[in-house]
Amino acid sequence: RSRLRKQAECEELGGRVDALSTENVTLRAELKRLKETCGALETDNTVLTDKLKELKGPDAVEAVKKEVAKKKDEAKGEEDGKKKENGKTGELTNGKRKAEVTAEA
């Protein structure tokens, strides 16, 4: 029986390795795509910032940066509020969200 149990466990672990390897490939492809998209967005942002400077001056760029920062803070506050309502912080502990770890305990 011990040998059968070990064999079953080994097969299960082999399946997990295959699944995790597939997930790794998928995540790497997604990461590559996101890096490319980020690079394109950074280029677009630079072009738009330069155009804004030409049209409205450097003060306009600073005003836009402040407005964007304000909207980010507002959005983050709303997101944090929703997470608290749902009991999820989004923080990871050993690959699991804190809420999942707490629920398992």
C-alpha atoms as a PDB file:
ATOM      1  CA  ARG A   1       0.000   0.000   0.000  1.00  0.00           C
ATOM      2  CA  SER A   2       2.790   2.429   0.826  1.00  0.00           C
ATOM      3  CA  ARG A   3       4.277   1.945  -2.628  1.00  0.00           C
ATOM      4  CA  LEU A   4       0.890   2.589  -4.280  1.00  0.00           C
ATOM      5  CA  ARG A   5       0.410   5.693  -2.181  1.00  0.00           C
ATOM      6  CA  LYS A   6       3.850   7.007  -3.117  1.00  0.00           C
ATOM      7  CA  GLN A   7       3.228   6.253  -6.774  1.00  0.00           C
ATOM      8  CA  ALA A   8      -0.109   8.096  -6.674  1.00  0.00           C
ATOM      9  CA  GLU A   9       1.528  11.028  -4.912  1.00  0.00           C
ATOM     10  CA  CYS A  10       4.326  11.086  -7.487  1.00  0.00           C
ATOM     11  CA  GLU A  11       1.803  11.097 -10.344  1.00  0.00           C
ATOM     12  CA  GLU A  12      -0.125  13.895  -8.667  1.00  0.00           C
ATOM     13  CA  LEU A  13       3.049  15.931  -8.244  1.00  0.00           C
ATOM     14  CA  GLY A  14       3.939  15.295 -11.890  1.00  0.00           C
ATOM     15  CA  GLY A  15       0.534  16.654 -12.877  1.00  0.00           C
ATOM     16  CA  ARG A  16       1.065  19.723 -10.736  1.00  0.00           C
ATOM     17  CA  VAL A  17       4.479  20.278 -12.334  1.00  0.00           C
ATOM     18  CA  ASP A  18       2.891  20.125 -15.794  1.00  0.00           C
ATOM     19  CA  ALA A  19       0.109  22.521 -14.789  1.00  0.00           C
ATOM     20  CA  LEU A  20       2.531  24.977 -13.166  1.00  0.00           C
ATOM     21  CA  SER A  21       4.873  24.813 -16.157  1.00  0.00           C
ATOM     22  CA  THR A  22       1.978  25.663 -18.461  1.00  0.00           C
ATOM     23  CA  GLU A  23       0.920  28.507 -16.175  1.00  0.00           C
ATOM     24  CA  ASN A  24       4.511  29.769 -16.112  1.00  0.00           C
ATOM     25  CA  VAL A  25       4.638  29.909 -19.920  1.00  0.00           C
ATOM     26  CA  THR A  26       1.311  31.740 -20.010  1.00  0.00           C
ATOM     27  CA  LEU A  27       2.386  34.246 -17.355  1.00  0.00           C
ATOM     28  CA  ARG A  28       5.700  34.900 -19.096  1.00  0.00           C
ATOM     29  CA  ALA A  29       3.888  35.613 -22.365  1.00  0.00           C
ATOM     30  CA  GLU A  30       1.485  37.937 -20.561  1.00  0.00           C
ATOM     31  CA  LEU A  31       4.385  39.715 -18.854  1.00  0.00           C
ATOM     32  CA  LYS A  32       6.117  40.216 -22.202  1.00  0.00           C
ATOM     33  CA  ARG A  33       2.928  41.617 -23.726  1.00  0.00           C
ATOM     34  CA  LEU A  34       2.400  43.968 -20.786  1.00  0.00           C
ATOM     35  CA  LYS A  35       6.003  45.212 -20.950  1.00  0.00           C
ATOM     36  CA  GLU A  36       5.563  45.973 -24.648  1.00  0.00           C
ATOM     37  CA  THR A  37       2.292  47.773 -23.979  1.00  0.00           C
ATOM     38  CA  CYS A  38       3.892  49.731 -21.139  1.00  0.00           C
ATOM     39  CA  GLY A  39       6.743  50.793 -23.402  1.00  0.00           C
ATOM     40  CA  ALA A  40       4.296  52.000 -26.052  1.00  0.00           C
ATOM     41  CA  LEU A  41       2.300  53.925 -23.439  1.00  0.00           C
ATOM     42  CA  GLU A  42       5.451  55.560 -22.080  1.00  0.00           C
ATOM     43  CA  THR A  43       6.339  56.688 -25.603  1.00  0.00           C
ATOM     44  CA  ASP A  44       2.828  58.047 -26.164  1.00  0.00           C
ATOM     45  CA  ASN A  45       2.969  59.842 -22.818  1.00  0.00           C
ATOM     46  CA  THR A  46       6.275  61.487 -23.712  1.00  0.00           C
ATOM     47  CA  VAL A  47       4.923  62.662 -27.051  1.00  0.00           C
ATOM     48  CA  LEU A  48       1.748  64.048 -25.454  1.00  0.00           C
ATOM     49  CA  THR A  49       3.700  65.750 -22.663  1.00  0.00           C
ATOM     50  CA  ASP A  50       5.946  67.436 -25.220  1.00  0.00           C
ATOM     51  CA  LYS A  51       2.914  68.605 -27.222  1.00  0.00           C
ATOM     52  CA  LEU A  52       1.256  69.949 -24.078  1.00  0.00           C
ATOM     53  CA  LYS A  53       4.445  71.865 -23.199  1.00  0.00           C
ATOM     54  CA  GLU A  54       4.529  73.381 -26.681  1.00  0.00           C
ATOM     55  CA  LEU A  55       0.861  74.389 -26.633  1.00  0.00           C
ATOM     56  CA  LYS A  56       0.304  75.433 -23.011  1.00  0.00           C
ATOM     57  CA  GLY A  57       3.744  75.663 -21.396  1.00  0.00           C
ATOM     58  CA  PRO A  58       5.445  73.724 -18.598  1.00  0.00           C
ATOM     59  CA  ASP A  59       2.938  74.910 -15.980  1.00  0.00           C
ATOM     60  CA  ALA A  60       0.196  73.020 -17.822  1.00  0.00           C
ATOM     61  CA  VAL A  61       2.206  69.801 -17.537  1.00  0.00           C
ATOM     62  CA  GLU A  62       2.560  70.249 -13.774  1.00  0.00           C
ATOM     63  CA  ALA A  63      -1.169  70.975 -13.459  1.00  0.00           C
ATOM     64  CA  VAL A  64      -2.007  67.790 -15.349  1.00  0.00           C
ATOM     65  CA  LYS A  65       0.409  65.764 -13.197  1.00  0.00           C
ATOM     66  CA  LYS A  66      -1.264  67.076 -10.031  1.00  0.00           C
ATOM     67  CA  GLU A  67      -4.722  66.281 -11.394  1.00  0.00           C
ATOM     68  CA  VAL A  68      -3.663  62.752 -12.349  1.00  0.00           C
ATOM     69  CA  ALA A  69      -2.134  62.193  -8.894  1.00  0.00           C
ATOM     70  CA  LYS A  70      -5.361  63.419  -7.275  1.00  0.00           C
ATOM     71  CA  LYS A  71      -7.484  61.060  -9.373  1.00  0.00           C
ATOM     72  CA  LYS A  72      -5.152  58.144  -8.573  1.00  0.00           C
ATOM     73  CA  ASP A  73      -5.489  58.837  -4.853  1.00  0.00           C
ATOM     74  CA  GLU A  74      -9.276  59.021  -5.149  1.00  0.00           C
ATOM     75  CA  ALA A  75      -9.407  55.768  -7.101  1.00  0.00           C
ATOM     76  CA  LYS A  76      -7.103  54.050  -4.613  1.00  0.00           C
ATOM     77  CA  GLY A  77      -9.287  55.222  -1.736  1.00  0.00           C
ATOM     78  CA  GLU A  78     -12.381  53.823  -3.435  1.00  0.00           C
ATOM     79  CA  GLU A  79     -10.591  50.541  -4.180  1.00  0.00           C
ATOM     80  CA  ASP A  80      -9.376  50.223  -0.580  1.00  0.00           C
ATOM     81  CA  GLY A  81     -12.906  50.877   0.657  1.00  0.00           C
ATOM     82  CA  LYS A  82     -14.318  48.134  -1.560  1.00  0.00           C
ATOM     83  CA  LYS A  83     -11.642  45.686  -0.428  1.00  0.00           C
ATOM     84  CA  LYS A  84     -12.434  46.401   3.213  1.00  0.00           C
ATOM     85  CA  GLU A  85     -16.131  45.830   2.518  1.00  0.00           C
ATOM     86  CA  ASN A  86     -15.316  42.497   0.895  1.00  0.00           C
ATOM     87  CA  GLY A  87     -12.744  41.572   3.531  1.00  0.00           C
ATOM     88  CA  LYS A  88      -9.908  41.415   0.996  1.00  0.00           C
ATOM     89  CA  THR A  89      -6.740  43.440   1.293  1.00  0.00           C
ATOM     90  CA  GLY A  90      -5.098  42.224  -1.879  1.00  0.00           C
ATOM     91  CA  GLU A  91      -1.883  41.527   0.025  1.00  0.00           C
ATOM     92  CA  LEU A  92      -0.286  38.172  -0.656  1.00  0.00           C
ATOM     93  CA  THR A  93       0.991  35.698   1.901  1.00  0.00           C
ATOM     94  CA  ASN A  94       2.807  32.684   0.449  1.00  0.00           C
ATOM     95  CA  GLY A  95       1.050  33.184  -2.865  1.00  0.00           C
ATOM     96  CA  LYS A  96      -2.399  33.538  -1.284  1.00  0.00           C
ATOM     97  CA  ARG A  97      -4.389  36.626  -0.467  1.00  0.00           C
ATOM     98  CA  LYS A  98      -4.519  37.451   3.243  1.00  0.00           C
ATOM     99  CA  ALA A  99      -8.283  36.901   3.221  1.00  0.00           C
ATOM    100  CA  GLU A 100      -7.773  33.373   1.858  1.00  0.00           C
ATOM    101  CA  VAL A 101      -5.163  32.607   4.499  1.00  0.00           C
ATOM    102  CA  THR A 102      -7.438  33.952   7.237  1.00  0.00           C
ATOM    103  CA  ALA A 103     -10.415  31.959   5.911  1.00  0.00           C
ATOM    104  CA  GLU A 104      -8.359  28.757   5.977  1.00  0.00           C
ATOM    105  CA  ALA A 105      -7.335  29.268   9.598  1.00  0.00           C
END
